[in-house]
Amino acid sequence: MEYLPSPTVSVIICAYTAERWDWLLDVIESLRGQTLAPKEVIVVIDHNEELYERLAKTADDITVARNTGPRGLSGARNTGVGLADSDVVAFLDDDAVAAPDWLERLMALYDDPEVLGVGGRVEPLWEAGRPVSLAKSSTGLSAAATGACHGWHPKFETSSVPTCPSGLM
């Protein structure tokens, strides 16, 4: 049997506004406490020089980079991917918090050579309680499904229960 080393993982966080400063620090801190440490954490700042300077002065154990692509999430993610030096890239939003075993459980699925990508459930951490207009069945879908695009802006926790997208195999 051939030994294959475990794949490495880079985590990319994209941020664009200082209004989410505390949340950004929370997501970075949640990565420091992972049961499986990432090879690297890259925070890409999307065309906000003030935020870039502030974070670069604050966090010395992560890579802080300027978005070199077009403004927006796609440009920032592509910048991060271009900088990543790992087998796998995992994305976290700047308003998320990773469960302590998030990377361990996520990466365990790559033991199967048929797996091309994995994902997980996103659970909102409502700051002011769940909006009445949002059905309980919506929990665990996505930021858009939980109302982040409608101004409710919950803070999210990535679940420690990753799922394998069987449609990719």
Protein backbone atom coordinates (compact mmCIF):
# COMPACT_ATOMS: atom_id res chain seq x y z
CA MET A 1 0.00 0.00 0.00
CA GLU A 2 1.36 3.38 -1.00
CA TYR A 3 1.68 6.01 1.73
CA LEU A 4 0.18 9.35 0.83
CA PRO A 5 0.91 12.25 3.16
CA SER A 6 -2.04 14.16 4.54
CA PRO A 7 -2.87 17.21 2.44
CA THR A 8 -2.08 20.63 3.83
CA VAL A 9 -4.63 23.42 4.05
CA SER A 10 -4.53 27.20 3.76
CA VAL A 11 -7.43 29.20 5.16
CA ILE A 12 -8.39 32.38 3.34
CA ILE A 13 -10.47 35.11 4.94
CA CYS A 14 -11.56 38.10 2.89
CA ALA A 15 -12.40 41.40 4.57
CA TYR A 16 -13.35 44.83 3.26
CA THR A 17 -14.53 47.01 6.14
CA ALA A 18 -13.32 48.04 9.58
CA GLU A 19 -16.94 47.91 10.74
CA ARG A 20 -16.42 44.15 11.16
CA TRP A 21 -13.11 44.52 13.02
CA ASP A 22 -14.15 42.57 16.12
CA TRP A 23 -15.65 39.82 13.99
CA LEU A 24 -12.47 39.62 11.93
CA LEU A 25 -10.40 39.18 15.09
CA ASP A 26 -12.85 36.50 16.29
CA VAL A 27 -12.52 34.44 13.11
CA ILE A 28 -8.73 34.68 13.22
CA GLU A 29 -8.75 33.60 16.86
CA SER A 30 -11.02 30.65 16.05
CA LEU A 31 -8.34 29.42 13.62
CA ARG A 32 -5.63 29.61 16.26
CA GLY A 33 -7.56 27.11 18.36
CA GLN A 34 -8.12 24.45 15.68
CA THR A 35 -7.49 20.80 16.55
CA LEU A 36 -5.75 20.60 13.15
CA ALA A 37 -3.71 23.72 12.51
CA PRO A 38 -3.76 25.20 9.01
CA LYS A 39 -0.47 25.49 7.18
CA GLU A 40 -1.22 29.18 6.79
CA VAL A 41 -3.93 31.76 7.33
CA ILE A 42 -4.23 34.44 4.67
CA VAL A 43 -6.42 37.48 5.21
CA VAL A 44 -7.03 39.40 2.00
CA ILE A 45 -8.12 43.00 2.47
CA ASP A 46 -10.34 44.20 -0.35
CA HIS A 47 -9.16 47.67 -1.38
CA ASN A 48 -9.16 49.21 2.12
CA GLU A 49 -5.68 50.49 2.93
CA GLU A 50 -6.61 51.60 6.44
CA LEU A 51 -7.89 48.13 7.33
CA TYR A 52 -4.84 46.52 5.74
CA GLU A 53 -2.44 48.66 7.81
CA ARG A 54 -4.40 48.08 11.03
CA LEU A 55 -4.47 44.30 10.66
CA ALA A 56 -0.85 44.09 9.51
CA LYS A 57 0.19 45.86 12.73
CA THR A 58 -2.07 43.68 14.90
CA ALA A 59 -1.55 40.10 13.74
CA ASP A 60 1.96 38.78 13.16
CA ASP A 61 1.11 35.07 12.85
CA ILE A 62 -0.97 35.39 9.68
CA THR A 63 -0.38 36.67 6.17
CA VAL A 64 -2.18 39.94 5.50
CA ALA A 65 -2.44 40.76 1.82
CA ARG A 66 -3.98 43.44 -0.36
CA ASN A 67 -6.49 42.35 -2.99
CA THR A 68 -4.61 42.70 -6.27
CA GLY A 69 -7.66 41.81 -8.34
CA PRO A 70 -10.93 43.53 -9.02
CA ARG A 71 -12.84 44.92 -6.04
CA GLY A 72 -15.13 42.35 -4.46
CA LEU A 73 -15.15 38.86 -3.00
CA SER A 74 -14.14 37.06 -6.21
CA GLY A 75 -11.08 39.25 -6.68
CA ALA A 76 -10.10 38.90 -3.03
CA ARG A 77 -10.53 35.12 -3.04
CA ASN A 78 -8.52 34.80 -6.25
CA THR A 79 -5.76 36.89 -4.69
CA GLY A 80 -5.73 34.56 -1.69
CA VAL A 81 -5.66 31.44 -3.85
CA GLY A 82 -2.73 32.89 -5.75
CA LEU A 83 -0.82 33.32 -2.50
CA ALA A 84 -1.77 29.99 -0.92
CA ASP A 85 0.92 27.34 -0.63
CA SER A 86 -1.14 24.28 0.31
CA ASP A 87 -2.90 21.32 -1.24
CA VAL A 88 -6.34 22.53 -0.13
CA VAL A 89 -7.81 26.00 0.25
CA ALA A 90 -10.61 26.63 2.74
CA PHE A 91 -12.57 29.88 2.84
CA LEU A 92 -14.08 31.57 5.89
CA ASP A 93 -16.05 34.79 5.91
CA ASP A 94 -14.96 37.67 8.12
CA ASP A 95 -18.21 37.36 10.08
CA ALA A 96 -17.78 33.65 10.83
CA VAL A 97 -16.25 31.63 13.66
CA ALA A 98 -14.84 28.18 12.97
CA ALA A 99 -15.79 25.36 15.34
CA PRO A 100 -12.63 24.04 17.07
CA ASP A 101 -12.54 20.85 14.98
CA TRP A 102 -13.63 22.46 11.70
CA LEU A 103 -10.40 21.87 9.78
CA GLU A 104 -9.81 18.43 11.26
CA ARG A 105 -13.23 17.22 10.15
CA LEU A 106 -13.04 19.01 6.82
CA MET A 107 -9.64 17.55 5.96
CA ALA A 108 -10.55 14.02 7.08
CA LEU A 109 -12.79 13.74 4.04
CA TYR A 110 -9.81 14.14 1.72
CA ASP A 111 -8.64 10.65 2.74
CA ASP A 112 -10.97 9.46 -0.03
CA PRO A 113 -9.23 10.05 -3.38
CA GLU A 114 -12.63 10.49 -5.05
CA VAL A 115 -13.36 13.63 -3.02
CA LEU A 116 -12.79 16.81 -4.99
CA GLY A 117 -14.19 19.28 -2.50
CA VAL A 118 -16.05 19.46 0.78
CA GLY A 119 -18.30 21.91 2.54
CA GLY A 120 -20.16 22.24 5.77
CA ARG A 121 -23.20 23.64 7.41
CA VAL A 122 -23.28 27.30 8.39
CA GLU A 123 -25.20 28.12 11.54
CA PRO A 124 -26.09 31.72 12.38
CA LEU A 125 -25.26 33.11 15.80
CA TRP A 126 -28.03 35.70 16.01
CA GLU A 127 -26.94 38.80 17.88
CA ALA A 128 -30.49 39.96 18.56
CA GLY A 129 -32.35 36.66 18.24
CA ARG A 130 -33.64 34.89 15.15
CA PRO A 131 -35.88 37.14 13.03
CA VAL A 132 -39.50 36.03 13.32
CA SER A 133 -39.84 36.13 9.55
CA LEU A 134 -37.10 33.54 9.13
CA ALA A 135 -38.30 29.95 9.34
CA LYS A 136 -36.40 27.65 11.67
CA SER A 137 -35.89 25.23 8.79
CA SER A 138 -33.55 27.77 7.18
CA THR A 139 -30.82 27.18 9.76
CA GLY A 140 -27.73 25.61 8.32
CA LEU A 141 -28.14 26.61 4.70
CA SER A 142 -26.02 29.58 3.68
CA ALA A 143 -25.48 33.23 4.41
CA ALA A 144 -27.93 34.18 1.67
CA ALA A 145 -30.54 31.69 2.88
CA THR A 146 -30.25 32.89 6.47
CA GLY A 147 -30.88 36.47 5.53
CA ALA A 148 -27.46 38.09 5.57
CA CYS A 149 -28.29 39.56 2.19
CA HIS A 150 -31.45 41.16 3.65
CA GLY A 151 -29.72 43.23 6.31
CA TRP A 152 -30.10 40.86 9.28
CA HIS A 153 -26.35 40.20 9.35
CA PRO A 154 -26.05 37.31 11.76
CA LYS A 155 -22.62 36.17 12.81
CA PHE A 156 -21.96 32.64 11.56
CA GLU A 157 -20.29 29.60 13.06
CA THR A 158 -19.00 26.97 10.70
CA SER A 159 -20.26 23.60 11.73
CA SER A 160 -18.00 20.79 12.78
CA VAL A 161 -20.16 18.46 10.71
CA PRO A 162 -18.77 18.74 7.19
CA THR A 163 -20.64 17.24 4.31
CA CYS A 164 -19.24 15.70 1.17
CA PRO A 165 -20.84 17.13 -1.97
CA SER A 166 -21.67 13.82 -3.62
CA GLY A 167 -22.62 15.64 -6.80
CA LEU A 168 -18.92 16.32 -7.38
CA MET A 169 -18.00 12.65 -7.63
